[in-house]
Amino acid sequence: MLFARFKAIYTHKFASAYSTPDEVKLAKREWSIAIRGFQEPLLAYAVERAKETYAWPPTISEFLNLINTAYGVYGLVSPRSAYKEACRCRMNPLEFKWSHPAIYYAGSKVGWHSLKVEEESRSWPEFEKAYLEQVQKVIKGQSLLMPKVPQIENKQEDIAVTLIPQLVKMTGLTESKVATLLYYTKKIEGTTVRANYRSKSINELAALGFVIDLPA
């Protein structure tokens, strides 16, 4: 398909580049190796850009550069750029600011640990394959969305917000003083630290003349 398009676009200029059947056969082999893995829409886009950009048939290198610009049309980056971005993720992938969700899904398939510890000679081919699978989905019109990060409800803070006005009303103490007494609610439930701070607050209230059993 590619050579047929080039022949139609560049006519005698293309024919003069490959004067013998053996040269055509060799050229097709090199081109097939170079563009293997790229989806047809990307190749078609690159052909259109070549027609606008080059008066003579592009070299393999020039054509590959055009393919890389085609990724931007779909909001994507090139496989190599995607790989480098995935390798930069050192923390929670769900919270990393990805240039496109396709990179996240490719990285998830390969494994984040593998991307961090394995040699590039092994992780790069696996990532490239996984990424091109996601690219294919995008080209077909599928919208890739990042999974939602589960939000943990901060019930400890809610307890303090509710208790502060109640204790202020019961004791007449200032909000600042009550907030200090409820500092223990910021600690993890069920821990010794939280229990110790709570006990200290109860004793401090008792010393002020208030017998109040604060919630655990």
N, C-alpha and C. Protein backbone atom coordinates (compact mmCIF):
# COMPACT_ATOMS: atom_id res chain seq x y z
N MET A 1 0.84 -1.19 0.00
CA MET A 1 0.00 0.00 0.00
C MET A 1 0.88 1.25 0.00
N LEU A 2 1.91 1.25 0.82
CA LEU A 2 2.77 2.41 0.94
C LEU A 2 3.50 2.70 -0.37
N PHE A 3 4.06 1.66 -0.97
CA PHE A 3 4.80 1.85 -2.21
C PHE A 3 3.85 2.25 -3.35
N ALA A 4 2.64 1.72 -3.34
CA ALA A 4 1.67 2.10 -4.37
C ALA A 4 1.30 3.57 -4.25
N ARG A 5 1.14 4.06 -3.01
CA ARG A 5 0.84 5.47 -2.79
C ARG A 5 1.99 6.35 -3.25
N PHE A 6 3.21 5.95 -2.88
CA PHE A 6 4.38 6.72 -3.28
C PHE A 6 4.52 6.78 -4.80
N LYS A 7 4.25 5.67 -5.45
CA LYS A 7 4.36 5.62 -6.91
C LYS A 7 3.35 6.55 -7.56
N ALA A 8 2.16 6.59 -7.00
CA ALA A 8 1.12 7.45 -7.56
C ALA A 8 1.41 8.93 -7.28
N ILE A 9 2.01 9.21 -6.13
CA ILE A 9 2.27 10.59 -5.74
C ILE A 9 3.50 11.15 -6.45
N TYR A 10 4.57 10.36 -6.47
CA TYR A 10 5.85 10.87 -6.97
C TYR A 10 6.18 10.41 -8.40
N THR A 11 5.36 9.57 -8.99
CA THR A 11 5.49 9.08 -10.38
C THR A 11 6.94 8.71 -10.73
N HIS A 12 7.51 9.38 -11.73
CA HIS A 12 8.84 8.98 -12.21
C HIS A 12 9.93 9.19 -11.17
N LYS A 13 9.71 10.13 -10.24
CA LYS A 13 10.70 10.35 -9.19
C LYS A 13 10.85 9.11 -8.31
N PHE A 14 9.72 8.47 -8.04
CA PHE A 14 9.77 7.25 -7.23
C PHE A 14 10.36 6.10 -8.03
N ALA A 15 9.97 5.99 -9.30
CA ALA A 15 10.47 4.90 -10.14
C ALA A 15 11.97 4.98 -10.32
N SER A 16 12.50 6.20 -10.40
CA SER A 16 13.94 6.35 -10.60
C SER A 16 14.76 5.95 -9.38
N ALA A 17 14.11 5.95 -8.22
CA ALA A 17 14.83 5.58 -6.99
C ALA A 17 15.11 4.09 -6.93
N TYR A 18 14.27 3.29 -7.57
CA TYR A 18 14.43 1.83 -7.57
C TYR A 18 14.33 1.36 -9.02
N SER A 19 15.47 1.24 -9.64
CA SER A 19 15.48 0.97 -11.09
C SER A 19 15.35 -0.50 -11.44
N THR A 20 15.62 -1.41 -10.50
CA THR A 20 15.54 -2.84 -10.80
C THR A 20 14.60 -3.54 -9.83
N PRO A 21 14.04 -4.70 -10.22
CA PRO A 21 13.17 -5.46 -9.31
C PRO A 21 13.86 -5.83 -8.01
N ASP A 22 15.17 -6.13 -8.09
CA ASP A 22 15.91 -6.48 -6.87
C ASP A 22 15.98 -5.30 -5.91
N GLU A 23 16.16 -4.10 -6.45
CA GLU A 23 16.21 -2.91 -5.61
C GLU A 23 14.85 -2.66 -4.96
N VAL A 24 13.79 -2.88 -5.71
CA VAL A 24 12.44 -2.71 -5.15
C VAL A 24 12.21 -3.72 -4.04
N LYS A 25 12.62 -4.96 -4.27
CA LYS A 25 12.44 -6.01 -3.28
C LYS A 25 13.21 -5.70 -2.00
N LEU A 26 14.44 -5.26 -2.16
CA LEU A 26 15.27 -4.91 -1.00
C LEU A 26 14.68 -3.71 -0.25
N ALA A 27 14.23 -2.71 -1.01
CA ALA A 27 13.66 -1.52 -0.39
C ALA A 27 12.39 -1.87 0.40
N LYS A 28 11.54 -2.70 -0.18
CA LYS A 28 10.31 -3.10 0.52
C LYS A 28 10.63 -3.82 1.83
N ARG A 29 11.67 -4.64 1.81
CA ARG A 29 12.06 -5.36 3.01
C ARG A 29 12.49 -4.38 4.11
N GLU A 30 13.31 -3.40 3.74
CA GLU A 30 13.78 -2.42 4.73
C GLU A 30 12.63 -1.57 5.26
N TRP A 31 11.75 -1.16 4.37
CA TRP A 31 10.61 -0.36 4.81
C TRP A 31 9.67 -1.15 5.70
N SER A 32 9.46 -2.41 5.36
CA SER A 32 8.54 -3.23 6.17
C SER A 32 9.07 -3.41 7.58
N ILE A 33 10.40 -3.53 7.70
CA ILE A 33 11.02 -3.65 9.03
C ILE A 33 10.84 -2.34 9.80
N ALA A 34 11.05 -1.22 9.09
CA ALA A 34 11.01 0.09 9.75
C ALA A 34 9.61 0.45 10.25
N ILE A 35 8.57 0.10 9.49
CA ILE A 35 7.22 0.55 9.86
C ILE A 35 6.40 -0.55 10.51
N ARG A 36 7.03 -1.67 10.81
CA ARG A 36 6.30 -2.77 11.45
C ARG A 36 5.74 -2.31 12.80
N GLY A 37 4.48 -2.62 13.04
CA GLY A 37 3.86 -2.26 14.31
C GLY A 37 3.04 -0.99 14.25
N PHE A 38 3.26 -0.16 13.23
CA PHE A 38 2.47 1.07 13.12
C PHE A 38 1.14 0.77 12.44
N GLN A 39 0.07 1.32 13.02
CA GLN A 39 -1.26 1.07 12.49
C GLN A 39 -1.48 1.86 11.20
N GLU A 40 -2.37 1.34 10.36
CA GLU A 40 -2.60 1.93 9.04
C GLU A 40 -3.01 3.40 9.10
N PRO A 41 -3.87 3.83 10.04
CA PRO A 41 -4.22 5.26 10.08
C PRO A 41 -3.00 6.16 10.29
N LEU A 42 -2.04 5.70 11.08
CA LEU A 42 -0.83 6.49 11.28
C LEU A 42 -0.02 6.57 9.99
N LEU A 43 0.07 5.44 9.28
CA LEU A 43 0.82 5.41 8.02
C LEU A 43 0.14 6.30 6.98
N ALA A 44 -1.18 6.22 6.92
CA ALA A 44 -1.91 7.03 5.95
C ALA A 44 -1.72 8.52 6.23
N TYR A 45 -1.75 8.88 7.51
CA TYR A 45 -1.53 10.27 7.89
C TYR A 45 -0.14 10.71 7.47
N ALA A 46 0.87 9.87 7.71
CA ALA A 46 2.25 10.22 7.36
C ALA A 46 2.41 10.37 5.84
N VAL A 47 1.71 9.54 5.07
CA VAL A 47 1.76 9.67 3.61
C VAL A 47 1.22 11.03 3.17
N GLU A 48 0.12 11.44 3.76
CA GLU A 48 -0.47 12.74 3.42
C GLU A 48 0.48 13.88 3.76
N ARG A 49 1.16 13.75 4.91
CA ARG A 49 2.12 14.80 5.30
C ARG A 49 3.33 14.78 4.39
N ALA A 50 3.76 13.58 3.95
CA ALA A 50 4.91 13.47 3.04
C ALA A 50 4.58 14.16 1.72
N LYS A 51 3.35 13.97 1.26
CA LYS A 51 2.91 14.58 0.00
C LYS A 51 2.99 16.09 0.07
N GLU A 52 2.71 16.64 1.25
CA GLU A 52 2.72 18.09 1.44
C GLU A 52 4.13 18.62 1.71
N THR A 53 5.00 17.75 2.24
CA THR A 53 6.30 18.21 2.74
C THR A 53 7.45 18.00 1.76
N TYR A 54 7.45 16.84 1.09
CA TYR A 54 8.61 16.47 0.28
C TYR A 54 8.28 16.43 -1.22
N ALA A 55 9.16 17.06 -2.01
CA ALA A 55 9.01 17.02 -3.47
C ALA A 55 9.49 15.68 -4.02
N TRP A 56 10.38 15.04 -3.27
CA TRP A 56 10.87 13.71 -3.65
C TRP A 56 10.45 12.70 -2.59
N PRO A 57 10.41 11.42 -2.92
CA PRO A 57 10.00 10.41 -1.94
C PRO A 57 10.84 10.51 -0.67
N PRO A 58 10.21 10.48 0.51
CA PRO A 58 10.96 10.61 1.76
C PRO A 58 11.82 9.38 2.04
N THR A 59 12.88 9.60 2.79
CA THR A 59 13.68 8.48 3.26
C THR A 59 12.94 7.81 4.41
N ILE A 60 13.41 6.66 4.83
CA ILE A 60 12.79 5.97 5.96
C ILE A 60 12.82 6.85 7.19
N SER A 61 13.95 7.49 7.43
CA SER A 61 14.08 8.35 8.60
C SER A 61 13.08 9.50 8.56
N GLU A 62 12.94 10.12 7.40
CA GLU A 62 12.00 11.24 7.26
C GLU A 62 10.57 10.76 7.46
N PHE A 63 10.26 9.59 6.96
CA PHE A 63 8.90 9.07 7.08
C PHE A 63 8.58 8.72 8.53
N LEU A 64 9.56 8.17 9.25
CA LEU A 64 9.35 7.84 10.65
C LEU A 64 9.10 9.11 11.47
N ASN A 65 9.78 10.18 11.12
CA ASN A 65 9.53 11.45 11.81
C ASN A 65 8.11 11.93 11.57
N LEU A 66 7.59 11.71 10.37
CA LEU A 66 6.21 12.09 10.08
C LEU A 66 5.23 11.24 10.87
N ILE A 67 5.54 9.96 11.03
CA ILE A 67 4.67 9.09 11.83
C ILE A 67 4.61 9.59 13.27
N ASN A 68 5.75 10.01 13.80
CA ASN A 68 5.77 10.50 15.17
C ASN A 68 4.89 11.73 15.34
N THR A 69 4.83 12.58 14.31
CA THR A 69 3.94 13.74 14.40
C THR A 69 2.48 13.31 14.35
N ALA A 70 2.22 12.15 13.76
CA ALA A 70 0.84 11.66 13.64
C ALA A 70 0.26 11.32 15.01
N TYR A 71 1.12 10.88 15.94
CA TYR A 71 0.61 10.56 17.28
C TYR A 71 -0.07 11.76 17.91
N GLY A 72 0.50 12.94 17.66
CA GLY A 72 -0.06 14.14 18.25
C GLY A 72 -1.47 14.43 17.79
N VAL A 73 -1.83 13.98 16.59
CA VAL A 73 -3.18 14.18 16.08
C VAL A 73 -4.21 13.50 16.97
N TYR A 74 -3.81 12.39 17.57
CA TYR A 74 -4.71 11.63 18.45
C TYR A 74 -4.46 11.95 19.92
N GLY A 75 -3.66 12.98 20.19
CA GLY A 75 -3.37 13.36 21.57
C GLY A 75 -2.37 12.44 22.24
N LEU A 76 -1.65 11.64 21.44
CA LEU A 76 -0.70 10.67 21.97
C LEU A 76 0.73 11.18 21.81
N VAL A 77 1.66 10.45 22.41
CA VAL A 77 3.08 10.68 22.19
C VAL A 77 3.66 9.44 21.54
N SER A 78 4.85 9.54 21.02
CA SER A 78 5.47 8.39 20.36
C SER A 78 5.74 7.29 21.38
N PRO A 79 5.85 6.04 20.93
CA PRO A 79 6.12 4.94 21.86
C PRO A 79 7.35 5.18 22.73
N ARG A 80 8.40 5.72 22.13
CA ARG A 80 9.62 5.94 22.90
C ARG A 80 9.42 6.99 23.99
N SER A 81 8.72 8.07 23.64
CA SER A 81 8.42 9.11 24.63
C SER A 81 7.52 8.55 25.73
N ALA A 82 6.58 7.70 25.34
CA ALA A 82 5.68 7.09 26.32
C ALA A 82 6.46 6.20 27.28
N TYR A 83 7.41 5.47 26.76
CA TYR A 83 8.24 4.59 27.59
C TYR A 83 9.03 5.40 28.62
N LYS A 84 9.65 6.48 28.18
CA LYS A 84 10.43 7.32 29.08
C LYS A 84 9.53 7.92 30.17
N GLU A 85 8.31 8.31 29.78
CA GLU A 85 7.38 8.88 30.75
C GLU A 85 6.97 7.82 31.78
N ALA A 86 6.72 6.62 31.32
CA ALA A 86 6.34 5.53 32.24
C ALA A 86 7.46 5.22 33.22
N CYS A 87 8.69 5.27 32.76
CA CYS A 87 9.84 4.97 33.62
C CYS A 87 10.07 6.06 34.65
N ARG A 88 9.55 7.26 34.39
CA ARG A 88 9.72 8.37 35.34
C ARG A 88 8.75 8.26 36.52
N CYS A 89 7.75 7.42 36.40
CA CYS A 89 6.76 7.28 37.47
C CYS A 89 7.37 6.52 38.63
N ARG A 90 7.62 7.18 39.72
CA ARG A 90 8.26 6.55 40.88
C ARG A 90 7.31 6.35 42.05
N MET A 91 6.14 6.97 41.99
CA MET A 91 5.19 6.88 43.09
C MET A 91 3.94 6.15 42.61
N ASN A 92 2.80 6.52 43.16
CA ASN A 92 1.53 5.88 42.80
C ASN A 92 1.15 6.23 41.36
N PRO A 93 1.09 5.25 40.44
CA PRO A 93 0.74 5.53 39.04
C PRO A 93 -0.62 6.21 38.87
N LEU A 94 -1.55 5.92 39.79
CA LEU A 94 -2.88 6.52 39.67
C LEU A 94 -2.86 8.02 39.95
N GLU A 95 -1.83 8.48 40.65
CA GLU A 95 -1.75 9.89 40.99
C GLU A 95 -0.74 10.64 40.12
N PHE A 96 -0.06 9.91 39.23
CA PHE A 96 0.93 10.53 38.35
C PHE A 96 0.20 11.30 37.25
N LYS A 97 0.74 12.43 36.84
CA LYS A 97 0.09 13.25 35.80
C LYS A 97 0.55 12.77 34.43
N TRP A 98 -0.20 11.83 33.84
CA TRP A 98 0.15 11.24 32.55
C TRP A 98 -0.27 12.18 31.41
N SER A 99 0.54 12.20 30.36
CA SER A 99 0.18 12.98 29.19
C SER A 99 -0.98 12.33 28.44
N HIS A 100 -1.16 11.01 28.61
CA HIS A 100 -2.30 10.31 28.04
C HIS A 100 -2.52 9.00 28.81
N PRO A 101 -3.78 8.63 29.08
CA PRO A 101 -4.06 7.39 29.82
C PRO A 101 -3.48 6.14 29.16
N ALA A 102 -3.24 6.19 27.84
CA ALA A 102 -2.68 5.02 27.15
C ALA A 102 -1.35 4.59 27.77
N ILE A 103 -0.58 5.55 28.26
CA ILE A 103 0.71 5.24 28.87
C ILE A 103 0.49 4.51 30.18
N TYR A 104 -0.50 4.95 30.95
CA TYR A 104 -0.81 4.28 32.21
C TYR A 104 -1.20 2.83 31.98
N TYR A 105 -2.08 2.59 31.02
CA TYR A 105 -2.55 1.22 30.78
C TYR A 105 -1.43 0.32 30.24
N ALA A 106 -0.55 0.90 29.42
CA ALA A 106 0.58 0.12 28.92
C ALA A 106 1.52 -0.23 30.06
N GLY A 107 1.80 0.76 30.91
CA GLY A 107 2.67 0.51 32.05
C GLY A 107 2.08 -0.50 33.02
N SER A 108 0.76 -0.44 33.20
CA SER A 108 0.10 -1.39 34.10
C SER A 108 0.24 -2.82 33.57
N LYS A 109 0.14 -2.97 32.26
CA LYS A 109 0.24 -4.30 31.68
C LYS A 109 1.65 -4.87 31.82
N VAL A 110 2.65 -4.02 31.60
CA VAL A 110 4.04 -4.47 31.72
C VAL A 110 4.40 -4.70 33.18
N GLY A 111 3.89 -3.83 34.05
CA GLY A 111 4.21 -3.91 35.48
C GLY A 111 5.14 -2.78 35.87
N TRP A 112 4.73 -1.99 36.86
CA TRP A 112 5.54 -0.83 37.26
C TRP A 112 6.85 -1.26 37.88
N HIS A 113 6.83 -2.35 38.60
CA HIS A 113 8.07 -2.84 39.20
C HIS A 113 9.06 -3.25 38.11
N SER A 114 8.54 -3.89 37.07
CA SER A 114 9.41 -4.31 35.97
C SER A 114 10.04 -3.11 35.28
N LEU A 115 9.26 -2.05 35.10
CA LEU A 115 9.78 -0.85 34.45
C LEU A 115 10.88 -0.19 35.29
N LYS A 116 10.82 -0.39 36.60
CA LYS A 116 11.81 0.23 37.48
C LYS A 116 13.09 -0.57 37.57
N VAL A 117 12.98 -1.91 37.57
CA VAL A 117 14.15 -2.72 37.89
C VAL A 117 14.74 -3.49 36.71
N GLU A 118 13.94 -3.77 35.68
CA GLU A 118 14.45 -4.59 34.59
C GLU A 118 15.28 -3.77 33.60
N GLU A 119 16.15 -4.47 32.90
CA GLU A 119 16.97 -3.82 31.88
C GLU A 119 16.06 -3.30 30.75
N GLU A 120 16.48 -2.20 30.16
CA GLU A 120 15.70 -1.61 29.07
C GLU A 120 15.53 -2.58 27.91
N SER A 121 16.54 -3.40 27.66
CA SER A 121 16.48 -4.35 26.55
C SER A 121 15.30 -5.31 26.70
N ARG A 122 14.82 -5.46 27.92
CA ARG A 122 13.69 -6.36 28.15
C ARG A 122 12.37 -5.59 28.34
N SER A 123 12.43 -4.51 29.10
CA SER A 123 11.19 -3.79 29.40
C SER A 123 10.69 -2.96 28.22
N TRP A 124 11.60 -2.43 27.40
CA TRP A 124 11.19 -1.59 26.28
C TRP A 124 10.35 -2.34 25.25
N PRO A 125 10.78 -3.52 24.76
CA PRO A 125 9.95 -4.23 23.78
C PRO A 125 8.57 -4.58 24.32
N GLU A 126 8.50 -4.96 25.61
CA GLU A 126 7.22 -5.31 26.21
C GLU A 126 6.32 -4.07 26.30
N PHE A 127 6.93 -2.96 26.69
CA PHE A 127 6.13 -1.74 26.80
C PHE A 127 5.67 -1.26 25.44
N GLU A 128 6.56 -1.30 24.45
CA GLU A 128 6.19 -0.83 23.11
C GLU A 128 4.99 -1.61 22.59
N LYS A 129 5.00 -2.92 22.77
CA LYS A 129 3.89 -3.74 22.30
C LYS A 129 2.60 -3.37 23.03
N ALA A 130 2.70 -3.22 24.35
CA ALA A 130 1.52 -2.88 25.14
C ALA A 130 0.99 -1.50 24.79
N TYR A 131 1.89 -0.58 24.53
CA TYR A 131 1.48 0.79 24.20
C TYR A 131 0.80 0.85 22.83
N LEU A 132 1.35 0.14 21.86
CA LEU A 132 0.75 0.14 20.53
C LEU A 132 -0.64 -0.48 20.55
N GLU A 133 -0.87 -1.40 21.47
CA GLU A 133 -2.22 -1.97 21.62
C GLU A 133 -3.19 -0.88 22.08
N GLN A 134 -2.72 -0.02 22.99
CA GLN A 134 -3.57 1.08 23.47
C GLN A 134 -3.76 2.13 22.37
N VAL A 135 -2.70 2.37 21.60
CA VAL A 135 -2.79 3.31 20.48
C VAL A 135 -3.86 2.86 19.50
N GLN A 136 -3.89 1.56 19.24
CA GLN A 136 -4.88 1.00 18.32
C GLN A 136 -6.30 1.30 18.81
N LYS A 137 -6.51 1.20 20.11
CA LYS A 137 -7.83 1.49 20.68
C LYS A 137 -8.20 2.96 20.46
N VAL A 138 -7.23 3.84 20.68
CA VAL A 138 -7.49 5.27 20.53
C VAL A 138 -7.81 5.60 19.08
N ILE A 139 -7.06 5.02 18.16
CA ILE A 139 -7.28 5.27 16.73
C ILE A 139 -8.66 4.81 16.30
N LYS A 140 -9.13 3.72 16.91
CA LYS A 140 -10.45 3.20 16.59
C LYS A 140 -11.57 4.01 17.22
N GLY A 141 -11.20 5.00 18.01
CA GLY A 141 -12.21 5.88 18.60
C GLY A 141 -12.55 5.60 20.04
N GLN A 142 -11.86 4.66 20.67
CA GLN A 142 -12.16 4.34 22.06
C GLN A 142 -11.55 5.39 22.98
N SER A 143 -12.32 5.87 23.93
CA SER A 143 -11.83 6.85 24.90
C SER A 143 -11.22 6.13 26.09
N LEU A 144 -9.98 6.43 26.36
CA LEU A 144 -9.30 5.84 27.52
C LEU A 144 -9.34 6.82 28.67
N LEU A 145 -9.90 6.40 29.77
CA LEU A 145 -10.00 7.24 30.95
C LEU A 145 -9.21 6.64 32.10
N MET A 146 -8.62 7.47 32.89
CA MET A 146 -7.89 7.00 34.06
C MET A 146 -8.87 6.44 35.09
N PRO A 147 -8.51 5.33 35.75
CA PRO A 147 -9.37 4.82 36.83
C PRO A 147 -9.47 5.86 37.94
N LYS A 148 -10.60 5.92 38.58
CA LYS A 148 -10.78 6.87 39.67
C LYS A 148 -10.00 6.41 40.90
N VAL A 149 -9.33 7.36 41.54
CA VAL A 149 -8.59 7.06 42.76
C VAL A 149 -9.59 6.96 43.90
N PRO A 150 -9.65 5.81 44.58
CA PRO A 150 -10.59 5.68 45.71
C PRO A 150 -10.26 6.67 46.82
N GLN A 151 -11.26 7.42 47.22
CA GLN A 151 -11.08 8.41 48.28
C GLN A 151 -11.46 7.81 49.63
N ILE A 152 -10.55 7.92 50.56
CA ILE A 152 -10.80 7.42 51.91
C ILE A 152 -11.44 8.53 52.73
N GLU A 153 -12.61 8.27 53.23
CA GLU A 153 -13.33 9.28 54.01
C GLU A 153 -12.59 9.56 55.30
N ASN A 154 -12.36 10.80 55.58
CA ASN A 154 -11.63 11.19 56.79
C ASN A 154 -12.62 11.34 57.94
N LYS A 155 -13.00 10.20 58.50
CA LYS A 155 -13.97 10.20 59.59
C LYS A 155 -13.38 10.78 60.86
N GLN A 156 -12.06 10.65 61.04
CA GLN A 156 -11.41 11.19 62.23
C GLN A 156 -11.61 12.70 62.29
N GLU A 157 -11.42 13.38 61.16
CA GLU A 157 -11.58 14.83 61.13
C GLU A 157 -13.04 15.20 61.34
N ASP A 158 -13.97 14.40 60.81
CA ASP A 158 -15.39 14.67 60.99
C ASP A 158 -15.78 14.62 62.46
N ILE A 159 -15.18 13.71 63.21
CA ILE A 159 -15.47 13.59 64.64
C ILE A 159 -15.09 14.88 65.35
N ALA A 160 -13.90 15.40 65.03
CA ALA A 160 -13.43 16.62 65.67
C ALA A 160 -14.34 17.80 65.32
N VAL A 161 -14.72 17.90 64.04
CA VAL A 161 -15.58 19.00 63.60
C VAL A 161 -16.91 18.98 64.35
N THR A 162 -17.44 17.78 64.58
CA THR A 162 -18.72 17.65 65.28
C THR A 162 -18.59 17.90 66.78
N LEU A 163 -17.49 17.41 67.36
CA LEU A 163 -17.33 17.49 68.81
C LEU A 163 -16.94 18.87 69.32
N ILE A 164 -16.19 19.61 68.52
CA ILE A 164 -15.70 20.91 69.00
C ILE A 164 -16.83 21.82 69.48
N PRO A 165 -17.87 22.07 68.64
CA PRO A 165 -18.94 22.96 69.14
C PRO A 165 -19.70 22.35 70.32
N GLN A 166 -19.82 21.02 70.35
CA GLN A 166 -20.52 20.38 71.47
C GLN A 166 -19.78 20.59 72.78
N LEU A 167 -18.46 20.39 72.77
CA LEU A 167 -17.67 20.53 73.98
C LEU A 167 -17.55 21.99 74.41
N VAL A 168 -17.50 22.89 73.40
CA VAL A 168 -17.47 24.32 73.74
C VAL A 168 -18.73 24.69 74.51
N LYS A 169 -19.87 24.18 74.05
CA LYS A 169 -21.15 24.48 74.71
C LYS A 169 -21.22 23.83 76.09
N MET A 170 -20.71 22.59 76.22
CA MET A 170 -20.78 21.86 77.49
C MET A 170 -19.84 22.44 78.54
N THR A 171 -18.65 22.87 78.11
CA THR A 171 -17.62 23.25 79.07
C THR A 171 -17.39 24.75 79.17
N GLY A 172 -17.73 25.50 78.13
CA GLY A 172 -17.45 26.92 78.13
C GLY A 172 -16.02 27.23 77.75
N LEU A 173 -15.26 26.21 77.39
CA LEU A 173 -13.87 26.41 76.99
C LEU A 173 -13.82 27.01 75.59
N THR A 174 -12.68 27.59 75.25
CA THR A 174 -12.54 28.18 73.92
C THR A 174 -12.41 27.08 72.86
N GLU A 175 -12.72 27.43 71.62
CA GLU A 175 -12.58 26.47 70.52
C GLU A 175 -11.14 25.99 70.39
N SER A 176 -10.20 26.90 70.60
CA SER A 176 -8.78 26.54 70.49
C SER A 176 -8.40 25.50 71.53
N LYS A 177 -8.90 25.68 72.77
CA LYS A 177 -8.59 24.74 73.84
C LYS A 177 -9.22 23.38 73.56
N VAL A 178 -10.48 23.38 73.10
CA VAL A 178 -11.17 22.13 72.80
C VAL A 178 -10.49 21.41 71.64
N ALA A 179 -10.07 22.16 70.65
CA ALA A 179 -9.38 21.55 69.51
C ALA A 179 -8.10 20.85 69.95
N THR A 180 -7.42 21.46 70.93
CA THR A 180 -6.20 20.84 71.47
C THR A 180 -6.53 19.54 72.18
N LEU A 181 -7.63 19.53 72.90
CA LEU A 181 -8.05 18.32 73.62
C LEU A 181 -8.45 17.21 72.66
N LEU A 182 -8.94 17.60 71.49
CA LEU A 182 -9.38 16.61 70.51
C LEU A 182 -8.29 16.28 69.49
N TYR A 183 -7.09 16.68 69.77
CA TYR A 183 -5.98 16.40 68.86
C TYR A 183 -5.82 14.90 68.62
N TYR A 184 -6.21 14.10 69.61
CA TYR A 184 -6.06 12.65 69.50
C TYR A 184 -6.85 12.07 68.33
N THR A 185 -7.92 12.76 67.90
CA THR A 185 -8.76 12.24 66.81
C THR A 185 -8.01 12.24 65.48
N LYS A 186 -6.91 12.96 65.41
CA LYS A 186 -6.12 12.99 64.17
C LYS A 186 -5.21 11.76 64.06
N LYS A 187 -5.10 11.02 65.15
CA LYS A 187 -4.28 9.81 65.13
C LYS A 187 -5.11 8.62 64.62
N ILE A 188 -4.44 7.60 64.15
CA ILE A 188 -5.11 6.44 63.58
C ILE A 188 -5.90 5.69 64.65
N GLU A 189 -7.14 5.36 64.30
CA GLU A 189 -8.00 4.64 65.24
C GLU A 189 -7.40 3.29 65.61
N GLY A 190 -7.53 2.94 66.90
CA GLY A 190 -7.07 1.64 67.37
C GLY A 190 -5.61 1.60 67.75
N THR A 191 -4.87 2.68 67.58
CA THR A 191 -3.45 2.68 67.90
C THR A 191 -3.24 3.10 69.35
N THR A 192 -2.10 2.71 69.89
CA THR A 192 -1.74 3.07 71.27
C THR A 192 -1.55 4.57 71.40
N VAL A 193 -0.99 5.17 70.38
CA VAL A 193 -0.75 6.62 70.43
C VAL A 193 -2.07 7.37 70.59
N ARG A 194 -3.06 6.97 69.79
CA ARG A 194 -4.37 7.63 69.88
C ARG A 194 -4.97 7.43 71.26
N ALA A 195 -4.88 6.22 71.79
CA ALA A 195 -5.45 5.91 73.11
C ALA A 195 -4.77 6.74 74.20
N ASN A 196 -3.46 6.91 74.11
CA ASN A 196 -2.73 7.68 75.12
C ASN A 196 -3.13 9.15 75.09
N TYR A 197 -3.23 9.72 73.87
CA TYR A 197 -3.63 11.12 73.76
C TYR A 197 -5.06 11.32 74.27
N ARG A 198 -5.95 10.36 73.98
CA ARG A 198 -7.34 10.46 74.44
C ARG A 198 -7.40 10.43 75.96
N SER A 199 -6.63 9.51 76.56
CA SER A 199 -6.61 9.40 78.02
C SER A 199 -6.10 10.68 78.67
N LYS A 200 -5.11 11.28 78.04
CA LYS A 200 -4.56 12.54 78.56
C LYS A 200 -5.60 13.65 78.50
N SER A 201 -6.38 13.68 77.42
CA SER A 201 -7.41 14.70 77.28
C SER A 201 -8.52 14.52 78.31
N ILE A 202 -8.91 13.26 78.54
CA ILE A 202 -9.95 12.97 79.53
C ILE A 202 -9.49 13.42 80.92
N ASN A 203 -8.24 13.14 81.25
CA ASN A 203 -7.69 13.52 82.55
C ASN A 203 -7.62 15.04 82.69
N GLU A 204 -7.28 15.72 81.60
CA GLU A 204 -7.19 17.18 81.63
C GLU A 204 -8.57 17.79 81.84
N LEU A 205 -9.60 17.20 81.18
CA LEU A 205 -10.97 17.67 81.39
C LEU A 205 -11.41 17.44 82.83
N ALA A 206 -11.02 16.28 83.38
CA ALA A 206 -11.38 15.96 84.76
C ALA A 206 -10.75 16.97 85.72
N ALA A 207 -9.51 17.35 85.43
CA ALA A 207 -8.83 18.33 86.30
C ALA A 207 -9.53 19.68 86.26
N LEU A 208 -10.22 19.96 85.16
CA LEU A 208 -10.97 21.21 85.03
C LEU A 208 -12.37 21.10 85.59
N GLY A 209 -12.71 19.86 86.06
CA GLY A 209 -14.01 19.67 86.67
C GLY A 209 -15.06 19.10 85.76
N PHE A 210 -14.64 18.56 84.60
CA PHE A 210 -15.58 18.00 83.64
C PHE A 210 -15.32 16.51 83.49
N VAL A 211 -16.32 15.70 83.82
CA VAL A 211 -16.19 14.25 83.63
C VAL A 211 -16.87 13.90 82.31
N ILE A 212 -16.04 13.77 81.28
CA ILE A 212 -16.57 13.52 79.93
C ILE A 212 -15.81 12.34 79.33
N ASP A 213 -16.56 11.36 78.90
CA ASP A 213 -15.94 10.18 78.25
C ASP A 213 -15.86 10.45 76.74
N LEU A 214 -14.71 10.86 76.29
CA LEU A 214 -14.54 11.19 74.89
C LEU A 214 -14.62 9.95 74.02
N PRO A 215 -15.17 10.04 72.81
CA PRO A 215 -15.27 8.87 71.92
C PRO A 215 -13.87 8.36 71.54
N ALA A 216 -13.79 7.04 71.38
CA ALA A 216 -12.50 6.43 71.03
C ALA A 216 -12.14 6.78 69.60
